[in-house]
Amino acid sequence: MSRISVEPGGLRSAGGVAQSAGADLRGLAGEVLAALSAVGGAAPPQTRAATATFSGGMQTAALAIGDGMAALGANAGTAADVYEQVDAQVMPITP
């Protein structure tokens, strides 16, 4: 089996970026809902329901992607912690 080499700091940094992107996407979901709600309010009655459905779907998608990105970031941070713990236990630094 080949050796796995991981830089925990880099993994944590990437995890932080992913978590930040997830938070941004969650914020975007609210902006999408607000923008499309304004459009729906100005739309003719025949298209108002379709616009509301589309708006809800876009918000749901942005929230789901944001949640997935945030979870990915959290998992990357946890993986970095585990790699450090395993390294410390299996390959301790000797003076």
C-alpha atoms as a PDB file:
ATOM      1  CA  MET A   1       0.000   0.000   0.000  1.00  0.00           C
ATOM      2  CA  SER A   2       1.371   3.397  -0.902  1.00  0.00           C
ATOM      3  CA  ARG A   3       1.778   6.111   1.693  1.00  0.00           C
ATOM      4  CA  ILE A   4      -0.811   8.863   2.047  1.00  0.00           C
ATOM      5  CA  SER A   5       0.654  12.292   2.598  1.00  0.00           C
ATOM      6  CA  VAL A   6      -1.615  15.093   3.782  1.00  0.00           C
ATOM      7  CA  GLU A   7      -0.862  18.680   4.749  1.00  0.00           C
ATOM      8  CA  PRO A   8      -3.423  19.277   7.540  1.00  0.00           C
ATOM      9  CA  GLY A   9      -3.016  23.060   7.360  1.00  0.00           C
ATOM     10  CA  GLY A  10      -3.839  23.077   3.661  1.00  0.00           C
ATOM     11  CA  LEU A  11      -6.773  20.767   4.223  1.00  0.00           C
ATOM     12  CA  ARG A  12      -8.084  23.025   6.986  1.00  0.00           C
ATOM     13  CA  SER A  13      -7.636  26.075   4.781  1.00  0.00           C
ATOM     14  CA  ALA A  14      -9.550  24.457   1.915  1.00  0.00           C
ATOM     15  CA  GLY A  15     -12.241  23.441   4.401  1.00  0.00           C
ATOM     16  CA  GLY A  16     -12.556  27.031   5.567  1.00  0.00           C
ATOM     17  CA  VAL A  17     -12.944  28.220   1.985  1.00  0.00           C
ATOM     18  CA  ALA A  18     -15.654  25.625   1.375  1.00  0.00           C
ATOM     19  CA  GLN A  19     -17.507  26.615   4.535  1.00  0.00           C
ATOM     20  CA  SER A  20     -17.327  30.270   3.537  1.00  0.00           C
ATOM     21  CA  ALA A  21     -18.643  29.453   0.064  1.00  0.00           C
ATOM     22  CA  GLY A  22     -21.486  27.504   1.671  1.00  0.00           C
ATOM     23  CA  ALA A  23     -22.423  30.504   3.788  1.00  0.00           C
ATOM     24  CA  ASP A  24     -22.293  32.747   0.721  1.00  0.00           C
ATOM     25  CA  LEU A  25     -24.605  30.390  -1.169  1.00  0.00           C
ATOM     26  CA  ARG A  26     -27.078  30.385   1.708  1.00  0.00           C
ATOM     27  CA  GLY A  27     -27.070  34.184   1.554  1.00  0.00           C
ATOM     28  CA  LEU A  28     -27.544  34.037  -2.198  1.00  0.00           C
ATOM     29  CA  ALA A  29     -30.617  31.866  -1.683  1.00  0.00           C
ATOM     30  CA  GLY A  30     -32.289  34.686   0.212  1.00  0.00           C
ATOM     31  CA  GLU A  31     -31.341  37.189  -2.458  1.00  0.00           C
ATOM     32  CA  VAL A  32     -32.720  34.925  -5.198  1.00  0.00           C
ATOM     33  CA  LEU A  33     -35.991  34.548  -3.313  1.00  0.00           C
ATOM     34  CA  ALA A  34     -36.294  38.314  -2.813  1.00  0.00           C
ATOM     35  CA  ALA A  35     -35.489  39.121  -6.442  1.00  0.00           C
ATOM     36  CA  LEU A  36     -37.806  36.520  -7.908  1.00  0.00           C
ATOM     37  CA  SER A  37     -40.566  37.418  -5.459  1.00  0.00           C
ATOM     38  CA  ALA A  38     -40.416  40.978  -6.754  1.00  0.00           C
ATOM     39  CA  VAL A  39     -40.647  39.686 -10.308  1.00  0.00           C
ATOM     40  CA  GLY A  40     -43.528  37.407  -9.371  1.00  0.00           C
ATOM     41  CA  GLY A  41     -45.399  40.285  -7.765  1.00  0.00           C
ATOM     42  CA  ALA A  42     -45.167  42.251 -10.992  1.00  0.00           C
ATOM     43  CA  ALA A  43     -46.028  39.291 -13.218  1.00  0.00           C
ATOM     44  CA  PRO A  44     -49.433  38.746 -14.768  1.00  0.00           C
ATOM     45  CA  PRO A  45     -51.691  36.380 -12.786  1.00  0.00           C
ATOM     46  CA  GLN A  46     -51.142  33.594 -15.341  1.00  0.00           C
ATOM     47  CA  THR A  47     -47.400  33.469 -14.661  1.00  0.00           C
ATOM     48  CA  ARG A  48     -47.341  34.437 -10.987  1.00  0.00           C
ATOM     49  CA  ALA A  49     -47.700  30.843  -9.748  1.00  0.00           C
ATOM     50  CA  ALA A  50     -45.001  29.603 -12.134  1.00  0.00           C
ATOM     51  CA  THR A  51     -42.654  32.357 -10.982  1.00  0.00           C
ATOM     52  CA  ALA A  52     -43.295  31.467  -7.336  1.00  0.00           C
ATOM     53  CA  THR A  53     -42.611  27.789  -8.014  1.00  0.00           C
ATOM     54  CA  PHE A  54     -39.425  28.632  -9.912  1.00  0.00           C
ATOM     55  CA  SER A  55     -38.331  30.976  -7.120  1.00  0.00           C
ATOM     56  CA  GLY A  56     -38.893  28.300  -4.490  1.00  0.00           C
ATOM     57  CA  GLY A  57     -36.952  25.764  -6.534  1.00  0.00           C
ATOM     58  CA  MET A  58     -34.017  28.124  -7.014  1.00  0.00           C
ATOM     59  CA  GLN A  59     -33.938  28.932  -3.317  1.00  0.00           C
ATOM     60  CA  THR A  60     -34.101  25.248  -2.379  1.00  0.00           C
ATOM     61  CA  ALA A  61     -31.265  24.439  -4.783  1.00  0.00           C
ATOM     62  CA  ALA A  62     -29.044  27.266  -3.505  1.00  0.00           C
ATOM     63  CA  LEU A  63     -29.694  26.215   0.107  1.00  0.00           C
ATOM     64  CA  ALA A  64     -28.922  22.563  -0.655  1.00  0.00           C
ATOM     65  CA  ILE A  65     -25.673  23.407  -2.447  1.00  0.00           C
ATOM     66  CA  GLY A  66     -24.716  25.814   0.342  1.00  0.00           C
ATOM     67  CA  ASP A  67     -25.391  23.177   2.990  1.00  0.00           C
ATOM     68  CA  GLY A  68     -23.362  20.636   1.008  1.00  0.00           C
ATOM     69  CA  MET A  69     -20.421  23.033   0.685  1.00  0.00           C
ATOM     70  CA  ALA A  70     -20.538  23.847   4.399  1.00  0.00           C
ATOM     71  CA  ALA A  71     -20.601  20.138   5.257  1.00  0.00           C
ATOM     72  CA  LEU A  72     -17.700  19.480   2.894  1.00  0.00           C
ATOM     73  CA  GLY A  73     -15.711  22.205   4.631  1.00  0.00           C
ATOM     74  CA  ALA A  74     -16.491  20.836   8.077  1.00  0.00           C
ATOM     75  CA  ASN A  75     -15.512  17.342   6.948  1.00  0.00           C
ATOM     76  CA  ALA A  76     -12.203  18.624   5.579  1.00  0.00           C
ATOM     77  CA  GLY A  77     -11.422  20.244   8.930  1.00  0.00           C
ATOM     78  CA  THR A  78     -12.300  17.052  10.769  1.00  0.00           C
ATOM     79  CA  ALA A  79     -10.154  15.015   8.384  1.00  0.00           C
ATOM     80  CA  ALA A  80      -7.214  17.332   9.084  1.00  0.00           C
ATOM     81  CA  ASP A  81      -7.672  16.754  12.828  1.00  0.00           C
ATOM     82  CA  VAL A  82      -7.794  12.988  12.329  1.00  0.00           C
ATOM     83  CA  TYR A  83      -4.672  12.979  10.147  1.00  0.00           C
ATOM     84  CA  GLU A  84      -2.806  14.920  12.846  1.00  0.00           C
ATOM     85  CA  GLN A  85      -3.989  12.561  15.598  1.00  0.00           C
ATOM     86  CA  VAL A  86      -3.041   9.464  13.630  1.00  0.00           C
ATOM     87  CA  ASP A  87       0.361  10.886  12.738  1.00  0.00           C
ATOM     88  CA  ALA A  88       1.020  11.782  16.380  1.00  0.00           C
ATOM     89  CA  GLN A  89       0.081   8.285  17.550  1.00  0.00           C
ATOM     90  CA  VAL A  90       1.595   6.195  14.761  1.00  0.00           C
ATOM     91  CA  MET A  91       4.633   8.282  13.865  1.00  0.00           C
ATOM     92  CA  PRO A  92       5.513  10.311  16.942  1.00  0.00           C
ATOM     93  CA  ILE A  93       8.266  12.887  16.642  1.00  0.00           C
ATOM     94  CA  THR A  94      11.363  11.586  18.395  1.00  0.00           C
ATOM     95  CA  PRO A  95      14.135  13.818  19.645  1.00  0.00           C
END
